[in-house]
C-alpha atoms as a PDB file:
ATOM      1  CA  MET A   1      63.518 123.593-151.558  1.00  0.00           C
ATOM      2  CA  PHE A   2      63.244 120.044-153.630  1.00  0.00           C
ATOM      3  CA  VAL A   3      60.770 117.442-152.043  1.00  0.00           C
ATOM      4  CA  LEU A   4      61.942 113.862-152.903  1.00  0.00           C
ATOM      5  CA  ALA A   5      59.534 111.096-151.848  1.00  0.00           C
ATOM      6  CA  HIS A   6      61.205 107.488-151.441  1.00  0.00           C
ATOM      7  CA  VAL A   7      59.246 104.151-151.786  1.00  0.00           C
ATOM      8  CA  THR A   8      60.650 101.038-152.021  1.00  0.00           C
ATOM      9  CA  ASP A   9      59.648  97.151-151.678  1.00  0.00           C
ATOM     10  CA  ALA A  10      55.828  97.035-152.501  1.00  0.00           C
ATOM     11  CA  HIS A  11      55.852  93.464-153.205  1.00  0.00           C
ATOM     12  CA  LEU A  12      52.510  94.034-155.305  1.00  0.00           C
ATOM     13  CA  GLY A  13      49.833  91.383-154.911  1.00  0.00           C
ATOM     14  CA  PRO A  14      48.103  89.165-155.304  1.00  0.00           C
ATOM     15  CA  LEU A  15      50.077  86.667-157.079  1.00  0.00           C
ATOM     16  CA  PRO A  16      48.555  86.023-160.909  1.00  0.00           C
ATOM     17  CA  ARG A  17      47.761  82.741-161.976  1.00  0.00           C
ATOM     18  CA  ALA A  18      50.634  80.742-163.330  1.00  0.00           C
ATOM     19  CA  ARG A  19      51.175  77.521-165.589  1.00  0.00           C
ATOM     20  CA  PHE A  20      52.596  74.652-163.854  1.00  0.00           C
ATOM     21  CA  ALA A  21      55.736  74.866-165.877  1.00  0.00           C
ATOM     22  CA  GLU A  22      56.269  78.620-164.797  1.00  0.00           C
ATOM     23  CA  LEU A  23      56.376  77.379-161.079  1.00  0.00           C
ATOM     24  CA  ALA A  24      59.599  75.046-161.271  1.00  0.00           C
ATOM     25  CA  GLY A  25      62.625  75.789-159.219  1.00  0.00           C
ATOM     26  CA  LYS A  26      63.101  79.032-157.390  1.00  0.00           C
ATOM     27  CA  ARG A  27      59.513  80.408-158.331  1.00  0.00           C
ATOM     28  CA  ALA A  28      57.906  77.256-156.474  1.00  0.00           C
ATOM     29  CA  LEU A  29      59.786  78.451-153.213  1.00  0.00           C
ATOM     30  CA  GLY A  30      58.714  82.171-153.889  1.00  0.00           C
ATOM     31  CA  VAL A  31      55.159  81.152-154.145  1.00  0.00           C
ATOM     32  CA  LEU A  32      55.258  79.203-150.861  1.00  0.00           C
ATOM     33  CA  ASN A  33      57.045  82.011-149.175  1.00  0.00           C
ATOM     34  CA  TRP A  34      53.995  84.520-150.532  1.00  0.00           C
ATOM     35  CA  ARG A  35      51.043  82.249-149.622  1.00  0.00           C
ATOM     36  CA  ARG A  36      52.666  81.393-146.137  1.00  0.00           C
ATOM     37  CA  GLY A  37      53.847  85.081-145.260  1.00  0.00           C
ATOM     38  CA  ARG A  38      53.597  88.381-147.639  1.00  0.00           C
ATOM     39  CA  GLN A  39      50.161  87.725-148.654  1.00  0.00           C
ATOM     40  CA  HIS A  40      49.091  87.868-145.100  1.00  0.00           C
ATOM     41  CA  ARG A  41      51.378  90.745-144.063  1.00  0.00           C
ATOM     42  CA  PHE A  42      51.313  93.059-147.321  1.00  0.00           C
ATOM     43  CA  SER A  43      48.116  94.432-148.572  1.00  0.00           C
ATOM     44  CA  ILE A  44      46.532  96.477-151.342  1.00  0.00           C
ATOM     45  CA  ALA A  45      44.807  98.613-148.736  1.00  0.00           C
ATOM     46  CA  THR A  46      48.141  99.334-146.901  1.00  0.00           C
ATOM     47  CA  ILE A  47      49.849 100.802-150.341  1.00  0.00           C
ATOM     48  CA  ASP A  48      46.681 102.796-151.242  1.00  0.00           C
ATOM     49  CA  LEU A  49      46.789 104.512-147.802  1.00  0.00           C
ATOM     50  CA  LEU A  50      50.362 105.366-148.387  1.00  0.00           C
ATOM     51  CA  VAL A  51      50.088 106.443-151.890  1.00  0.00           C
ATOM     52  CA  ASP A  52      47.164 108.953-150.945  1.00  0.00           C
ATOM     53  CA  ASP A  53      49.655 110.190-148.016  1.00  0.00           C
ATOM     54  CA  ILE A  54      52.126 110.782-150.727  1.00  0.00           C
ATOM     55  CA  LYS A  55      49.772 112.691-152.912  1.00  0.00           C
ATOM     56  CA  ALA A  56      48.711 114.900-149.913  1.00  0.00           C
ATOM     57  CA  MET A  57      52.605 115.836-149.373  1.00  0.00           C
ATOM     58  CA  ALA A  58      52.906 116.718-152.844  1.00  0.00           C
ATOM     59  CA  PRO A  59      56.749 115.927-153.623  1.00  0.00           C
ATOM     60  CA  ASP A  60      58.456 117.112-156.414  1.00  0.00           C
ATOM     61  CA  HIS A  61      59.507 113.796-157.598  1.00  0.00           C
ATOM     62  CA  ILE A  62      58.939 110.437-156.472  1.00  0.00           C
ATOM     63  CA  ALA A  63      62.021 107.500-156.201  1.00  0.00           C
ATOM     64  CA  VAL A  64      61.074 103.912-156.094  1.00  0.00           C
ATOM     65  CA  THR A  65      64.184 101.466-155.159  1.00  0.00           C
ATOM     66  CA  GLY A  66      63.071  98.257-156.364  1.00  0.00           C
ATOM     67  CA  ASP A  67      60.973  94.854-155.773  1.00  0.00           C
ATOM     68  CA  LEU A  68      57.568  95.898-156.968  1.00  0.00           C
ATOM     69  CA  VAL A  69      56.957  92.060-157.932  1.00  0.00           C
ATOM     70  CA  ASN A  70      57.355  88.618-156.324  1.00  0.00           C
ATOM     71  CA  VAL A  71      58.297  86.014-158.180  1.00  0.00           C
ATOM     72  CA  GLY A  72      58.769  87.388-161.625  1.00  0.00           C
ATOM     73  CA  LEU A  73      56.151  86.186-163.388  1.00  0.00           C
ATOM     74  CA  ALA A  74      55.444  88.064-166.712  1.00  0.00           C
ATOM     75  CA  ALA A  75      51.912  89.492-165.237  1.00  0.00           C
ATOM     76  CA  GLU A  76      53.413  90.780-162.514  1.00  0.00           C
ATOM     77  CA  PHE A  77      55.309  93.587-164.342  1.00  0.00           C
ATOM     78  CA  ALA A  78      51.943  94.763-165.864  1.00  0.00           C
ATOM     79  CA  THR A  79      50.443  94.959-162.211  1.00  0.00           C
ATOM     80  CA  GLY A  80      53.855  97.125-161.189  1.00  0.00           C
ATOM     81  CA  LEU A  81      53.233  99.387-164.216  1.00  0.00           C
ATOM     82  CA  ASN A  82      49.747 100.141-162.988  1.00  0.00           C
ATOM     83  CA  PHE A  83      51.025 101.045-159.498  1.00  0.00           C
ATOM     84  CA  LEU A  84      53.677 103.256-161.009  1.00  0.00           C
ATOM     85  CA  LYS A  85      50.975 105.076-163.272  1.00  0.00           C
ATOM     86  CA  SER A  86      49.044 105.768-159.771  1.00  0.00           C
ATOM     87  CA  LEU A  87      51.931 107.199-158.430  1.00  0.00           C
ATOM     88  CA  GLY A  88      52.768 109.502-161.490  1.00  0.00           C
ATOM     89  CA  GLU A  89      54.001 109.704-165.043  1.00  0.00           C
ATOM     90  CA  GLY A  90      57.363 108.775-166.027  1.00  0.00           C
ATOM     91  CA  PRO A  91      58.974 112.076-166.044  1.00  0.00           C
ATOM     92  CA  ASP A  92      57.750 112.535-162.323  1.00  0.00           C
ATOM     93  CA  VAL A  93      58.850 108.987-161.086  1.00  0.00           C
ATOM     94  CA  THR A  94      62.205 107.298-160.901  1.00  0.00           C
ATOM     95  CA  VAL A  95      62.663 103.401-160.576  1.00  0.00           C
ATOM     96  CA  VAL A  96      65.440 100.899-160.207  1.00  0.00           C
ATOM     97  CA  PRO A  97      64.788  97.226-160.215  1.00  0.00           C
ATOM     98  CA  GLY A  98      65.380  95.133-156.903  1.00  0.00           C
ATOM     99  CA  ASN A  99      66.171  91.405-156.997  1.00  0.00           C
ATOM    100  CA  HIS A 100      62.497  90.307-157.049  1.00  0.00           C
ATOM    101  CA  ASP A 101      62.146  92.286-160.314  1.00  0.00           C
ATOM    102  CA  ALA A 102      65.321  90.041-161.387  1.00  0.00           C
ATOM    103  CA  TYR A 103      63.676  86.796-159.661  1.00  0.00           C
ATOM    104  CA  VAL A 104      64.629  84.329-162.349  1.00  0.00           C
ATOM    105  CA  ARG A 105      66.663  84.981-165.476  1.00  0.00           C
ATOM    106  CA  SER A 106      63.734  84.179-168.005  1.00  0.00           C
ATOM    107  CA  THR A 107      62.172  87.403-166.914  1.00  0.00           C
ATOM    108  CA  ALA A 108      64.955  89.444-165.478  1.00  0.00           C
ATOM    109  CA  HIS A 109      64.801  91.847-168.299  1.00  0.00           C
ATOM    110  CA  HIS A 110      61.049  92.542-168.077  1.00  0.00           C
ATOM    111  CA  SER A 111      61.245  95.562-165.554  1.00  0.00           C
ATOM    112  CA  LEU A 112      62.996  97.121-168.337  1.00  0.00           C
ATOM    113  CA  LEU A 113      60.591  96.477-170.929  1.00  0.00           C
ATOM    114  CA  ASN A 114      57.609  97.316-168.957  1.00  0.00           C
ATOM    115  CA  TRP A 115      58.788 100.364-166.946  1.00  0.00           C
ATOM    116  CA  GLY A 116      61.264 101.844-169.059  1.00  0.00           C
ATOM    117  CA  ASP A 117      59.615 105.312-169.242  1.00  0.00           C
ATOM    118  CA  TYR A 118      60.545 105.334-165.302  1.00  0.00           C
ATOM    119  CA  MET A 119      63.805 104.343-165.961  1.00  0.00           C
ATOM    120  CA  ARG A 120      65.201 106.080-168.921  1.00  0.00           C
ATOM    121  CA  GLY A 121      67.793 108.882-168.443  1.00  0.00           C
ATOM    122  CA  ASP A 122      67.258 112.217-169.591  1.00  0.00           C
ATOM    123  CA  GLY A 123      67.460 112.494-173.372  1.00  0.00           C
ATOM    124  CA  VAL A 124      67.168 108.785-173.677  1.00  0.00           C
ATOM    125  CA  ASN A 125      64.696 107.291-176.340  1.00  0.00           C
ATOM    126  CA  GLY A 126      63.548 103.966-177.367  1.00  0.00           C
ATOM    127  CA  ASP A 127      65.058 100.349-175.784  1.00  0.00           C
ATOM    128  CA  VAL A 128      66.466 100.682-172.393  1.00  0.00           C
ATOM    129  CA  THR A 129      66.983  96.846-172.056  1.00  0.00           C
ATOM    130  CA  ASP A 130      70.940  96.703-172.535  1.00  0.00           C
ATOM    131  CA  GLU A 131      72.883  96.597-169.422  1.00  0.00           C
ATOM    132  CA  SER A 132      74.372  99.694-170.284  1.00  0.00           C
ATOM    133  CA  ALA A 133      71.468 101.701-169.595  1.00  0.00           C
ATOM    134  CA  PHE A 134      72.663 101.831-166.018  1.00  0.00           C
ATOM    135  CA  PRO A 135      73.575 104.265-164.190  1.00  0.00           C
ATOM    136  CA  PHE A 136      71.112 106.422-165.773  1.00  0.00           C
ATOM    137  CA  VAL A 137      70.810 110.115-164.853  1.00  0.00           C
ATOM    138  CA  ARG A 138      67.808 112.211-164.365  1.00  0.00           C
ATOM    139  CA  ARG A 139      68.281 116.123-163.533  1.00  0.00           C
ATOM    140  CA  ARG A 140      65.591 117.682-161.526  1.00  0.00           C
ATOM    141  CA  GLY A 141      66.529 121.478-160.791  1.00  0.00           C
ATOM    142  CA  ASP A 142      69.365 121.504-158.490  1.00  0.00           C
ATOM    143  CA  VAL A 143      68.695 117.404-158.012  1.00  0.00           C
ATOM    144  CA  ALA A 144      70.366 114.676-159.948  1.00  0.00           C
ATOM    145  CA  LEU A 145      68.904 111.245-159.425  1.00  0.00           C
ATOM    146  CA  ILE A 146      71.397 108.370-160.199  1.00  0.00           C
ATOM    147  CA  GLY A 147      69.739 105.218-161.178  1.00  0.00           C
ATOM    148  CA  VAL A 148      72.192 102.028-160.147  1.00  0.00           C
ATOM    149  CA  SER A 149      70.786  98.569-160.869  1.00  0.00           C
ATOM    150  CA  SER A 150      72.181  95.862-158.199  1.00  0.00           C
ATOM    151  CA  ALA A 151      69.333  93.207-159.696  1.00  0.00           C
ATOM    152  CA  ILE A 152      70.451  89.900-160.830  1.00  0.00           C
ATOM    153  CA  PRO A 153      68.956  86.400-161.159  1.00  0.00           C
ATOM    154  CA  THR A 154      70.121  84.264-158.342  1.00  0.00           C
ATOM    155  CA  HIS A 155      69.807  80.540-156.999  1.00  0.00           C
ATOM    156  CA  PRO A 156      67.145  79.542-154.746  1.00  0.00           C
ATOM    157  CA  PHE A 157      67.513  80.753-151.173  1.00  0.00           C
ATOM    158  CA  MET A 158      69.582  83.655-152.398  1.00  0.00           C
ATOM    159  CA  ALA A 159      68.734  87.495-152.624  1.00  0.00           C
ATOM    160  CA  THR A 160      72.244  88.951-153.137  1.00  0.00           C
ATOM    161  CA  GLY A 161      72.874  91.732-155.569  1.00  0.00           C
ATOM    162  CA  LYS A 162      75.802  92.990-157.572  1.00  0.00           C
ATOM    163  CA  VAL A 163      76.718  96.132-159.736  1.00  0.00           C
ATOM    164  CA  GLY A 164      79.534  94.916-161.321  1.00  0.00           C
ATOM    165  CA  ARG A 165      82.605  96.371-162.574  1.00  0.00           C
ATOM    166  CA  ALA A 166      81.526  97.999-166.067  1.00  0.00           C
ATOM    167  CA  GLN A 167      78.654  99.767-163.933  1.00  0.00           C
ATOM    168  CA  ARG A 168      80.927 100.782-161.217  1.00  0.00           C
ATOM    169  CA  GLU A 169      83.215 102.446-163.553  1.00  0.00           C
ATOM    170  CA  ARG A 170      80.544 104.143-165.552  1.00  0.00           C
ATOM    171  CA  LEU A 171      78.865 105.435-162.084  1.00  0.00           C
ATOM    172  CA  GLY A 172      82.290 106.851-160.972  1.00  0.00           C
ATOM    173  CA  ALA A 173      82.365 109.414-164.315  1.00  0.00           C
ATOM    174  CA  VAL A 174      78.920 110.404-163.862  1.00  0.00           C
ATOM    175  CA  LEU A 175      79.551 111.404-160.007  1.00  0.00           C
ATOM    176  CA  ASP A 176      82.440 113.280-161.361  1.00  0.00           C
ATOM    177  CA  GLY A 177      80.424 115.161-163.889  1.00  0.00           C
ATOM    178  CA  LEU A 178      77.651 115.705-162.007  1.00  0.00           C
ATOM    179  CA  GLY A 179      79.686 117.005-159.185  1.00  0.00           C
ATOM    180  CA  GLU A 180      81.181 119.592-161.441  1.00  0.00           C
ATOM    181  CA  GLU A 181      77.683 120.923-162.145  1.00  0.00           C
ATOM    182  CA  GLY A 182      77.216 121.564-158.437  1.00  0.00           C
ATOM    183  CA  LEU A 183      74.155 119.069-158.158  1.00  0.00           C
ATOM    184  CA  PHE A 184      72.863 117.308-155.283  1.00  0.00           C
ATOM    185  CA  ARG A 185      73.634 113.658-156.159  1.00  0.00           C
ATOM    186  CA  VAL A 186      71.177 111.140-155.283  1.00  0.00           C
ATOM    187  CA  VAL A 187      72.167 107.504-155.580  1.00  0.00           C
ATOM    188  CA  MET A 188      69.376 105.276-156.160  1.00  0.00           C
ATOM    189  CA  ILE A 189      70.196 101.371-155.396  1.00  0.00           C
ATOM    190  CA  HIS A 190      68.201  98.429-154.205  1.00  0.00           C
ATOM    191  CA  HIS A 191      70.481  96.761-152.181  1.00  0.00           C
ATOM    192  CA  PRO A 192      72.133  98.714-149.462  1.00  0.00           C
ATOM    193  CA  PRO A 193      76.053  99.273-149.984  1.00  0.00           C
ATOM    194  CA  ALA A 194      76.309  99.459-145.877  1.00  0.00           C
ATOM    195  CA  GLY A 195      74.769  98.064-142.707  1.00  0.00           C
ATOM    196  CA  LEU A 196      74.758  94.401-141.718  1.00  0.00           C
ATOM    197  CA  ARG A 197      72.638  91.739-143.052  1.00  0.00           C
ATOM    198  CA  ALA A 198      72.714  87.783-144.023  1.00  0.00           C
ATOM    199  CA  GLY A 199      75.297  86.654-146.442  1.00  0.00           C
ATOM    200  CA  HIS A 200      72.407  85.343-148.712  1.00  0.00           C
ATOM    201  CA  LYS A 201      70.939  89.277-148.831  1.00  0.00           C
ATOM    202  CA  ARG A 202      74.109  91.114-149.086  1.00  0.00           C
ATOM    203  CA  LEU A 203      75.534  93.320-152.125  1.00  0.00           C
ATOM    204  CA  ILE A 204      78.232  91.123-153.536  1.00  0.00           C
ATOM    205  CA  ASP A 205      80.637  94.010-154.343  1.00  0.00           C
ATOM    206  CA  GLU A 206      79.621  96.365-151.654  1.00  0.00           C
ATOM    207  CA  VAL A 207      82.998  97.270-150.943  1.00  0.00           C
ATOM    208  CA  ALA A 208      83.942  98.008-154.349  1.00  0.00           C
ATOM    209  CA  VAL A 209      80.797 100.122-154.415  1.00  0.00           C
ATOM    210  CA  ARG A 210      81.632 102.049-151.431  1.00  0.00           C
ATOM    211  CA  ASP A 211      85.007 102.706-152.665  1.00  0.00           C
ATOM    212  CA  VAL A 212      83.468 104.552-155.987  1.00  0.00           C
ATOM    213  CA  LEU A 213      81.728 106.667-153.418  1.00  0.00           C
ATOM    214  CA  ALA A 214      84.568 107.548-151.001  1.00  0.00           C
ATOM    215  CA  ARG A 215      86.095 108.583-154.264  1.00  0.00           C
ATOM    216  CA  HIS A 216      83.970 110.263-156.301  1.00  0.00           C
ATOM    217  CA  GLY A 217      81.309 111.381-154.136  1.00  0.00           C
ATOM    218  CA  ALA A 218      77.312 111.713-153.704  1.00  0.00           C
ATOM    219  CA  GLU A 219      75.124 113.504-151.346  1.00  0.00           C
ATOM    220  CA  LEU A 220      72.862 110.949-150.672  1.00  0.00           C
ATOM    221  CA  VAL A 221      72.103 107.213-151.223  1.00  0.00           C
ATOM    222  CA  ILE A 222      68.770 105.676-151.025  1.00  0.00           C
ATOM    223  CA  CYS A 223      68.002 101.861-150.962  1.00  0.00           C
ATOM    224  CA  GLY A 224      65.549  99.267-149.851  1.00  0.00           C
ATOM    225  CA  HIS A 225      65.978  95.525-149.748  1.00  0.00           C
ATOM    226  CA  ASP A 226      65.561  94.604-145.780  1.00  0.00           C
ATOM    227  CA  HIS A 227      62.064  96.092-145.399  1.00  0.00           C
ATOM    228  CA  VAL A 228      63.027  98.149-142.224  1.00  0.00           C
ATOM    229  CA  PRO A 229      64.720 101.635-141.766  1.00  0.00           C
ATOM    230  CA  MET A 230      68.401 102.433-141.527  1.00  0.00           C
ATOM    231  CA  VAL A 231      70.802 105.453-141.778  1.00  0.00           C
ATOM    232  CA  GLU A 232      74.131 104.863-142.077  1.00  0.00           C
ATOM    233  CA  MET A 233      77.003 107.357-142.882  1.00  0.00           C
ATOM    234  CA  ILE A 234      79.911 105.966-145.045  1.00  0.00           C
ATOM    235  CA  PRO A 235      83.327 108.076-146.089  1.00  0.00           C
ATOM    236  CA  GLY A 236      83.120 110.313-149.075  1.00  0.00           C
ATOM    237  CA  PRO A 237      85.522 112.455-150.554  1.00  0.00           C
ATOM    238  CA  ASN A 238      87.776 115.041-148.542  1.00  0.00           C
ATOM    239  CA  SER A 239      86.794 113.585-145.197  1.00  0.00           C
ATOM    240  CA  GLY A 240      83.180 113.891-145.646  1.00  0.00           C
ATOM    241  CA  LEU A 241      80.386 111.808-144.980  1.00  0.00           C
ATOM    242  CA  ILE A 242      77.399 110.150-147.256  1.00  0.00           C
ATOM    243  CA  PRO A 243      74.014 109.260-145.548  1.00  0.00           C
ATOM    244  CA  VAL A 244      72.947 105.675-146.951  1.00  0.00           C
ATOM    245  CA  VAL A 245      69.112 105.341-146.121  1.00  0.00           C
ATOM    246  CA  GLU A 246      66.902 102.465-146.260  1.00  0.00           C
ATOM    247  CA  ALA A 247      63.045 102.856-146.041  1.00  0.00           C
ATOM    248  CA  PRO A 248      60.559 100.381-144.737  1.00  0.00           C
ATOM    249  CA  SER A 249      58.510  98.321-147.088  1.00  0.00           C
ATOM    250  CA  PHE A 250      55.631 100.116-148.716  1.00  0.00           C
ATOM    251  CA  ALA A 251      53.289  97.286-148.266  1.00  0.00           C
ATOM    252  CA  ALA A 252      53.757  96.313-144.470  1.00  0.00           C
ATOM    253  CA  GLY A 253      51.012  96.805-142.089  1.00  0.00           C
ATOM    254  CA  PRO A 254      51.008  98.197-138.761  1.00  0.00           C
ATOM    255  CA  GLU A 255      51.389  94.838-137.402  1.00  0.00           C
ATOM    256  CA  ASP A 256      54.307  94.016-139.545  1.00  0.00           C
ATOM    257  CA  ARG A 257      56.589  91.934-137.762  1.00  0.00           C
ATOM    258  CA  HIS A 258      59.690  93.320-139.358  1.00  0.00           C
ATOM    259  CA  TRP A 259      58.677  97.270-139.116  1.00  0.00           C
ATOM    260  CA  PRO A 260      55.476  98.705-139.921  1.00  0.00           C
ATOM    261  CA  GLY A 261      54.966 100.374-143.638  1.00  0.00           C
ATOM    262  CA  GLY A 262      55.842 103.711-144.693  1.00  0.00           C
ATOM    263  CA  TYR A 263      58.033 105.929-146.858  1.00  0.00           C
ATOM    264  CA  HIS A 264      60.580 108.814-146.615  1.00  0.00           C
ATOM    265  CA  LEU A 265      60.343 112.248-147.541  1.00  0.00           C
ATOM    266  CA  TYR A 266      63.469 114.130-148.255  1.00  0.00           C
ATOM    267  CA  ARG A 267      63.842 118.052-148.293  1.00  0.00           C
ATOM    268  CA  ILE A 268      66.639 119.122-150.010  1.00  0.00           C
ATOM    269  CA  GLU A 269      67.765 122.856-150.145  1.00  0.00           C
ATOM    270  CA  ARG A 270      70.632 124.730-151.283  1.00  0.00           C
ATOM    271  CA  VAL A 271      72.017 126.999-148.416  1.00  0.00           C
ATOM    272  CA  GLY A 272      73.792 130.037-149.961  1.00  0.00           C
ATOM    273  CA  GLU A 273      77.263 129.394-151.376  1.00  0.00           C
ATOM    274  CA  ALA A 274      78.935 127.386-148.647  1.00  0.00           C
ATOM    275  CA  GLY A 275      81.536 125.036-149.140  1.00  0.00           C
ATOM    276  CA  PHE A 276      79.062 122.006-148.999  1.00  0.00           C
ATOM    277  CA  PRO A 277      75.980 124.069-149.651  1.00  0.00           C
ATOM    278  CA  TRP A 278      73.294 121.633-149.242  1.00  0.00           C
ATOM    279  CA  ARG A 279      70.690 120.870-145.878  1.00  0.00           C
ATOM    280  CA  CYS A 280      68.945 117.561-146.070  1.00  0.00           C
ATOM    281  CA  THR A 281      66.210 116.490-143.819  1.00  0.00           C
ATOM    282  CA  MET A 282      64.658 113.208-143.832  1.00  0.00           C
ATOM    283  CA  GLU A 283      60.970 112.583-142.596  1.00  0.00           C
ATOM    284  CA  ALA A 284      59.773 109.250-142.117  1.00  0.00           C
ATOM    285  CA  ARG A 285      56.083 108.721-142.390  1.00  0.00           C
ATOM    286  CA  GLY A 286      53.985 105.674-142.213  1.00  0.00           C
ATOM    287  CA  PHE A 287      52.251 103.663-139.683  1.00  0.00           C
ATOM    288  CA  GLN A 288      52.847 103.276-136.001  1.00  0.00           C
ATOM    289  CA  ARG A 289      52.530  99.611-134.616  1.00  0.00           C
ATOM    290  CA  GLY A 290      48.893  99.248-133.567  1.00  0.00           C
ATOM    291  CA  GLU A 291      47.609 102.548-135.320  1.00  0.00           C
ATOM    292  CA  THR A 292      46.227 103.021-139.043  1.00  0.00           C
ATOM    293  CA  LEU A 293      46.840 106.280-139.459  1.00  0.00           C
ATOM    294  CA  VAL A 294      49.545 107.299-141.681  1.00  0.00           C
ATOM    295  CA  ALA A 295      51.484 110.410-140.287  1.00  0.00           C
ATOM    296  CA  ALA A 296      54.912 111.828-139.645  1.00  0.00           C
ATOM    297  CA  ARG A 297      56.695 109.394-137.515  1.00  0.00           C
ATOM    298  CA  SER A 298      60.370 110.917-137.055  1.00  0.00           C
ATOM    299  CA  THR A 299      62.537 113.922-138.787  1.00  0.00           C
ATOM    300  CA  ARG A 300      66.246 113.716-138.926  1.00  0.00           C
ATOM    301  CA  VAL A 301      68.467 116.283-140.626  1.00  0.00           C
ATOM    302  CA  LEU A 302      71.084 114.090-142.802  1.00  0.00           C
ATOM    303  CA  THR A 303      73.320 116.827-143.911  1.00  0.00           C
ATOM    304  CA  GLU A 304      73.979 120.513-143.082  1.00  0.00           C
ATOM    305  CA  ALA A 305      75.546 123.100-145.149  1.00  0.00           C
ATOM    306  CA  ILE A 306      79.322 123.607-144.024  1.00  0.00           C
ATOM    307  CA  SER A 307      81.300 126.606-145.209  1.00  0.00           C
ATOM    308  CA  GLY A 308      84.930 125.991-146.594  1.00  0.00           C
ATOM    309  CA  ARG A 309      84.527 122.354-147.444  1.00  0.00           C
END
C-alpha cells in the first residue's frame, strides 16, 4: 500500500516588507485582501498542527498543489521553500504552482527558481524554469505523480488558470506511457478541472483538460484553489470514472468561514490482477468547526478494483 498526503493552499504569512514600487497594481489589492481577511483567518500555528499530524501519519509521499505564497513578493518564495523543507526533502515532496505563486508576471517564474528540487521530474537535473518542464513525472513504487501547471499571471480581480495546448498534448502522451506501464496515475494541478466556481476563478481550458483525461486516462486528479473539499467524478476511457478531489486550505483555522483547515490522505493499493486493479481510499484529516484537535473527519472509497475492465 502507498500512502499519499495531499496539501494545498497554505498561503504562508506574514507578508514580508515590500518597497512602495513593488505594491503597484494587482499586488496592492492582494495586500489589502491579506490585511483585511487572510491574515486573521490563516495562521502558522494552524499549519504547525497540521504538519505535526502529517508526520505522525508518516505517508510515503506528500503532494502540494500550490498557492504557498500570497502576492508574489520575491521574499515569499524563500518562506515557501522553508515550508517545503519542513515537510521533507525534494524526493519525498512534490509541488505544482498555483495562481498566487504566479501572481504577477515579474516573479511568476520564482516558484520554479526556488522550489525546483520539489517540482523536477525523475532524472531531470539543473534548471526547470522552462515552460516545457510541465508536465513532469515522478515514479514512486506503483504510483506515478504527474505535475501539471495551471499557474499564469492574471489581471487584477482575476484568479483564472490555464494549462495550454502544448502542455495538454504532452500530458496526453505522458498519461499513455504511464498507463502502458500499469502505474496508478495521480495528476496534480492547482485549478480543478471539474466542479462549479465563479468565472474569475475558473480553469480557462477546463473542457479541453477534461477531454485529455477522458481520452488518455488517469486514476486520480488532486487539486486545490477553492479552499473547500470537493469530490467530482469525470468521464475516463472505457466508460470509467476519474475522481477529481480538492482539499481544503492547509492554513485555515477551525472557525474559517469557508471550511476548517486540513489535508487528505490517499491509501492506494493494487488488488490482484483485476482488469482495474486499484483500490484508493481517501481520509480527510483536519479540524472540525469549533475544535482545535486535528483528527480523521471522514473516509471515502474513491476507486475499487474491478475485474475485466
